[in-house]
N, C-alpha and C. Protein backbone atom coordinates (compact mmCIF):
# COMPACT_ATOMS: atom_id res chain seq x y z
N MET A 1 0.83 -1.15 0.14
CA MET A 1 -0.01 0.02 0.11
C MET A 1 1.02 1.24 0.09
N GLN A 2 0.69 2.06 -0.68
CA GLN A 2 1.43 3.52 -0.95
C GLN A 2 1.05 4.23 0.09
N LYS A 3 1.87 5.07 0.62
CA LYS A 3 1.57 6.25 1.40
C LYS A 3 1.09 7.39 0.85
N LYS A 4 0.09 8.19 1.64
CA LYS A 4 -0.68 9.38 1.05
C LYS A 4 0.07 10.34 1.25
N GLN A 5 0.91 10.57 2.16
CA GLN A 5 2.08 11.63 2.64
C GLN A 5 3.03 11.37 2.99
N ILE A 6 4.10 12.05 2.72
CA ILE A 6 5.44 11.89 3.17
C ILE A 6 5.94 13.32 3.89
N GLU A 7 6.95 13.04 4.76
CA GLU A 7 7.63 14.01 5.71
C GLU A 7 9.01 14.49 4.76
N ILE A 8 9.30 15.82 4.64
CA ILE A 8 10.48 15.79 4.02
C ILE A 8 11.19 17.11 5.03
N THR A 9 12.54 16.81 5.20
CA THR A 9 13.21 18.21 5.86
C THR A 9 13.76 18.84 4.66
N CYS A 10 13.88 20.17 4.86
CA CYS A 10 13.97 21.03 4.11
C CYS A 10 15.63 21.15 3.97
N PRO A 11 16.29 21.13 2.97
CA PRO A 11 17.79 21.30 3.01
C PRO A 11 18.25 22.78 3.44
N CYS A 12 17.54 23.74 2.97
CA CYS A 12 17.83 25.20 3.29
C CYS A 12 17.57 25.67 5.00
N CYS A 13 16.59 25.30 5.27
CA CYS A 13 15.90 25.98 6.85
C CYS A 13 15.77 25.15 7.68
N SER A 14 15.84 23.67 7.45
CA SER A 14 15.90 22.36 8.18
C SER A 14 14.18 22.22 8.66
N SER A 15 12.91 23.12 7.95
CA SER A 15 11.77 23.18 8.38
C SER A 15 11.22 21.05 7.81
N LYS A 16 10.22 20.92 8.58
CA LYS A 16 9.67 19.78 8.50
C LYS A 16 8.53 20.15 7.69
N LEU A 17 8.27 19.21 6.15
CA LEU A 17 7.28 19.69 5.17
C LEU A 17 6.46 18.46 5.19
N ALA A 18 5.10 18.62 5.34
CA ALA A 18 4.17 17.16 4.98
C ALA A 18 3.76 17.33 3.54
N VAL A 19 4.04 16.47 2.87
CA VAL A 19 3.77 16.65 1.38
C VAL A 19 2.75 15.58 0.80
N ASP A 20 1.72 15.87 0.16
CA ASP A 20 0.77 14.82 -0.23
C ASP A 20 1.27 14.36 -1.42
N VAL A 21 1.31 13.06 -1.79
CA VAL A 21 1.94 12.31 -2.54
C VAL A 21 1.03 12.59 -3.96
N LEU A 22 -0.20 12.01 -3.85
CA LEU A 22 -1.05 12.25 -4.80
C LEU A 22 -1.01 13.53 -5.64
N THR A 23 -1.43 14.75 -4.90
CA THR A 23 -1.58 16.13 -5.34
C THR A 23 -0.29 16.83 -5.52
N GLU A 24 0.74 16.29 -4.92
CA GLU A 24 2.08 17.03 -5.05
C GLU A 24 2.01 18.29 -4.12
N THR A 25 1.14 18.46 -3.28
CA THR A 25 1.06 19.73 -2.49
C THR A 25 1.64 19.47 -1.05
N VAL A 26 2.13 20.92 -0.50
CA VAL A 26 2.43 20.55 0.87
C VAL A 26 1.33 21.14 1.81
N LEU A 27 1.23 20.22 2.63
CA LEU A 27 0.18 20.11 3.66
C LEU A 27 0.38 21.01 4.77
N ARG A 28 1.59 20.78 4.99
CA ARG A 28 2.07 21.28 6.51
C ARG A 28 3.47 21.55 6.40
N ALA A 29 4.05 22.63 6.95
CA ALA A 29 5.31 23.42 7.14
C ALA A 29 5.59 23.56 8.57
N SER A 30 6.48 23.06 9.18
CA SER A 30 6.87 23.47 10.63
C SER A 30 8.26 23.73 10.64
N ALA A 31 8.63 25.22 11.20
CA ALA A 31 10.00 25.48 11.39
C ALA A 31 10.72 24.76 12.39
N PRO A 32 11.89 24.71 12.61
CA PRO A 32 12.62 24.09 13.48
C PRO A 32 12.26 24.42 14.96
N ALA A 33 12.01 25.65 15.10
CA ALA A 33 11.68 26.20 16.39
C ALA A 33 10.26 25.67 16.76
N GLU A 34 9.43 25.37 15.72
CA GLU A 34 7.97 24.88 16.11
C GLU A 34 8.04 23.33 16.33
N LEU A 35 9.05 22.55 16.54
CA LEU A 35 9.34 21.22 16.49
C LEU A 35 9.57 20.77 17.83
N ASP A 36 9.11 19.69 18.19
CA ASP A 36 9.63 19.15 19.88
C ASP A 36 10.64 18.06 19.62
N GLU A 37 11.40 17.64 20.78
CA GLU A 37 12.26 17.04 20.71
C GLU A 37 12.20 15.37 19.76
N THR A 38 11.25 15.25 19.37
CA THR A 38 11.09 14.03 18.53
C THR A 38 10.94 14.35 17.00
N GLY A 39 10.99 15.68 16.95
CA GLY A 39 10.63 16.20 15.31
C GLY A 39 9.50 16.18 15.18
N ARG A 40 8.25 16.35 15.67
CA ARG A 40 6.96 16.44 15.42
C ARG A 40 6.56 17.87 15.85
N PRO A 41 5.77 18.39 15.14
CA PRO A 41 5.24 19.80 15.42
C PRO A 41 4.55 19.95 16.81
N LYS A 42 5.07 20.83 17.49
CA LYS A 42 4.45 21.26 18.73
C LYS A 42 2.74 21.18 18.88
N VAL A 43 2.12 20.90 19.69
CA VAL A 43 0.53 21.66 19.48
C VAL A 43 0.49 22.61 20.70
N ASP A 44 0.03 23.43 20.09
CA ASP A 44 -0.19 24.79 21.10
C ASP A 44 -1.68 25.13 21.06
N THR A 45 -2.09 26.05 21.74
CA THR A 45 -3.39 26.26 21.67
C THR A 45 -3.96 27.00 20.50
N LYS A 46 -2.97 27.92 20.01
CA LYS A 46 -3.26 28.62 18.96
C LYS A 46 -3.34 27.72 17.50
N ARG A 47 -2.58 26.71 17.44
CA ARG A 47 -3.04 25.97 16.43
C ARG A 47 -4.07 24.89 16.43
N TRP A 48 -4.35 24.70 17.65
CA TRP A 48 -5.55 23.63 17.94
C TRP A 48 -6.91 24.45 18.21
N THR A 49 -6.65 25.80 18.29
CA THR A 49 -8.15 26.50 18.16
C THR A 49 -8.46 26.82 16.66
N GLY A 50 -7.15 26.99 15.94
CA GLY A 50 -7.55 26.93 14.36
C GLY A 50 -8.35 25.73 13.87
N ALA A 51 -7.71 24.79 14.08
CA ALA A 51 -7.85 23.54 13.69
C ALA A 51 -9.75 23.26 14.14
N GLU A 52 -9.76 23.77 15.48
CA GLU A 52 -11.36 23.54 15.53
C GLU A 52 -12.14 24.39 14.94
N LYS A 53 -11.73 25.72 14.84
CA LYS A 53 -12.49 26.62 13.87
C LYS A 53 -12.83 26.34 12.51
N ARG A 54 -11.71 25.60 11.97
CA ARG A 54 -11.67 25.03 10.38
C ARG A 54 -12.78 23.84 10.66
N VAL A 55 -12.96 22.92 11.55
CA VAL A 55 -13.75 22.01 11.57
C VAL A 55 -15.29 22.47 11.49
N GLU A 56 -15.33 23.43 12.61
CA GLU A 56 -16.91 24.16 12.86
C GLU A 56 -17.35 24.71 11.89
N ASP A 57 -16.45 25.27 10.76
CA ASP A 57 -16.83 26.00 9.63
C ASP A 57 -17.37 25.26 8.66
N ARG A 58 -16.37 24.27 8.39
CA ARG A 58 -16.84 23.25 7.47
C ARG A 58 -18.10 22.49 7.78
N SER A 59 -18.54 22.09 8.96
CA SER A 59 -19.85 21.59 9.50
C SER A 59 -20.58 22.42 9.10
N ALA A 60 -20.79 23.79 9.50
CA ALA A 60 -21.51 24.83 9.10
C ALA A 60 -21.96 25.02 7.73
N LYS A 61 -20.78 24.83 6.77
CA LYS A 61 -21.07 24.89 5.30
C LYS A 61 -21.72 23.90 4.74
N ALA A 62 -21.68 22.51 5.51
CA ALA A 62 -22.12 21.38 4.99
C ALA A 62 -23.56 21.43 5.41
N GLU A 63 -24.08 21.98 6.52
CA GLU A 63 -25.31 22.20 6.83
C GLU A 63 -26.23 23.09 5.85
N ASP A 64 -25.35 24.23 5.65
CA ASP A 64 -26.14 25.35 4.62
C ASP A 64 -26.11 24.72 3.37
N ARG A 65 -25.35 23.76 2.80
CA ARG A 65 -25.28 23.24 1.53
C ARG A 65 -26.55 22.29 1.41
N LEU A 66 -26.44 21.60 2.66
CA LEU A 66 -27.96 20.50 2.55
C LEU A 66 -29.27 21.18 2.63
N GLU A 67 -29.37 22.34 3.60
CA GLU A 67 -30.46 23.26 3.36
C GLU A 67 -30.92 23.76 2.31
N SER A 68 -29.70 24.12 1.32
CA SER A 68 -30.23 24.85 0.24
C SER A 68 -30.56 23.75 -1.19
N ALA A 69 -29.99 22.75 -0.75
CA ALA A 69 -30.28 21.64 -1.67
C ALA A 69 -31.78 20.92 -1.50
N LEU A 70 -32.06 20.82 -0.14
CA LEU A 70 -33.54 20.25 0.31
C LEU A 70 -34.47 21.73 -0.15
N SER A 71 -34.38 22.75 0.04
CA SER A 71 -35.26 23.55 -0.63
C SER A 71 -35.27 23.74 -1.85
N ALA A 72 -34.33 23.54 -2.62
CA ALA A 72 -34.29 23.56 -4.26
C ALA A 72 -35.08 22.36 -4.58
N GLU A 73 -35.15 21.10 -3.68
CA GLU A 73 -35.63 20.35 -4.10
C GLU A 73 -37.07 20.29 -3.81
N LYS A 74 -37.54 20.93 -2.95
CA LYS A 74 -39.11 21.20 -2.66
C LYS A 74 -39.44 22.25 -3.65
N ASP A 75 -38.80 22.93 -4.09
CA ASP A 75 -39.26 24.20 -5.45
C ASP A 75 -39.17 23.35 -6.35
N LYS A 76 -38.73 22.27 -6.84
CA LYS A 76 -38.49 21.54 -8.10
C LYS A 76 -39.60 21.56 -8.83
N GLU A 77 -40.30 20.98 -8.23
CA GLU A 77 -41.89 20.70 -8.89
C GLU A 77 -42.69 22.23 -9.19
N THR A 78 -42.57 23.08 -8.35
CA THR A 78 -43.07 24.22 -9.06
C THR A 78 -42.52 24.85 -10.11
N ARG A 79 -41.41 24.84 -10.00
CA ARG A 79 -40.35 25.45 -11.15
C ARG A 79 -40.58 24.74 -12.30
N LEU A 80 -40.73 23.19 -12.40
CA LEU A 80 -41.00 22.65 -13.55
C LEU A 80 -42.49 22.74 -14.00
N ASP A 81 -43.57 23.05 -13.15
CA ASP A 81 -44.68 23.17 -13.49
C ASP A 81 -44.93 24.58 -14.45
N ASP A 82 -44.05 25.65 -13.81
CA ASP A 82 -44.19 26.77 -14.26
C ASP A 82 -43.54 26.85 -15.81
N LEU A 83 -42.46 26.12 -15.86
CA LEU A 83 -41.63 25.98 -17.11
C LEU A 83 -42.79 25.32 -18.25
N PHE A 84 -43.43 24.04 -17.63
CA PHE A 84 -44.29 23.31 -18.80
C PHE A 84 -45.54 24.23 -19.25
N ASP A 85 -46.15 25.09 -17.98
CA ASP A 85 -47.05 26.12 -18.50
C ASP A 85 -46.48 27.24 -19.22
N LYS A 86 -45.46 27.59 -19.27
CA LYS A 86 -44.88 28.53 -20.24
C LYS A 86 -44.54 28.08 -21.67
N ALA A 87 -44.39 26.47 -21.58
CA ALA A 87 -44.12 25.86 -22.76
C ALA A 87 -45.26 25.67 -23.71
N ARG A 88 -46.23 25.24 -22.95
CA ARG A 88 -47.89 25.29 -23.35
C ARG A 88 -48.35 26.35 -23.92
N ALA A 89 -48.18 27.46 -23.38
CA ALA A 89 -48.54 28.68 -23.71
C ALA A 89 -47.93 29.25 -25.07
N LYS A 90 -46.64 28.74 -25.04
CA LYS A 90 -45.95 29.31 -26.36
C LYS A 90 -46.39 28.36 -27.56
N VAL A 91 -46.52 27.17 -27.15
CA VAL A 91 -47.23 26.42 -28.48
C VAL A 91 -48.59 27.03 -28.63
N LYS A 92 -49.64 27.02 -27.96
CA LYS A 92 -50.77 27.65 -28.19
C LYS A 92 -50.41 28.98 -29.12
N ARG A 93 -49.45 29.59 -28.78
CA ARG A 93 -49.43 31.21 -29.23
C ARG A 93 -48.96 30.76 -30.81
N ARG A 94 -48.08 30.08 -30.75
CA ARG A 94 -47.58 29.63 -32.41
C ARG A 94 -48.73 28.96 -33.00
N GLU A 95 -49.39 28.37 -32.54
CA GLU A 95 -50.85 27.88 -33.22
C GLU A 95 -51.59 28.77 -33.38
N SER A 96 -51.90 29.38 -32.90
CA SER A 96 -52.76 30.43 -33.40
C SER A 96 -52.36 31.47 -34.35
N GLU A 97 -50.92 31.93 -33.90
CA GLU A 97 -50.25 32.79 -35.08
C GLU A 97 -50.38 31.93 -36.39
N GLY A 98 -50.13 30.63 -36.52
CA GLY A 98 -50.15 29.79 -37.46
C GLY A 98 -51.47 29.69 -38.23
N GLU A 99 -52.44 29.85 -37.19
CA GLU A 99 -53.94 29.76 -38.12
C GLU A 99 -54.37 31.06 -38.81
N ASP A 100 -53.85 32.07 -38.05
CA ASP A 100 -54.13 33.29 -38.64
C ASP A 100 -53.29 33.67 -39.83
N SER A 101 -52.12 33.14 -39.95
CA SER A 101 -51.42 33.57 -41.37
C SER A 101 -52.10 32.61 -42.37
N ASN A 102 -52.67 31.48 -42.02
CA ASN A 102 -53.33 30.48 -43.24
C ASN A 102 -54.47 31.06 -43.79
N ASP A 103 -55.16 31.73 -42.86
CA ASP A 103 -56.67 32.52 -43.20
C ASP A 103 -55.92 33.62 -44.09
N ASP A 104 -55.05 34.25 -43.88
CA ASP A 104 -54.68 35.15 -44.80
C ASP A 104 -54.22 34.85 -46.02
N ALA A 105 -53.79 33.53 -46.12
CA ALA A 105 -53.22 32.85 -47.41
C ALA A 105 -54.55 32.70 -48.43
N ILE A 106 -55.79 32.28 -47.78
CA ILE A 106 -56.99 31.97 -48.50
C ILE A 106 -57.69 33.19 -49.25
């Protein structure tokens, strides 16, 4: 099984980089001062709070998307009925215009 992300140490500044192998993007970068004695990023309250905020925002956005999809689905029948009525009126109008032009030709 392949790894999805790898960790690399920058040769210039000795920062630790977490890179997504599939997309080839840097997921996380930690300066040497931000690393603990094992070489892992230190978990501080600022970083933790930021992560919590991102998760909460993601949840709120998902709820908003679900609500908008549900309301669009509820309105779908009305919108389709309106489109059908407009198309029916357009056909009737064309038929009546066609009959008028046929009467003029006689």
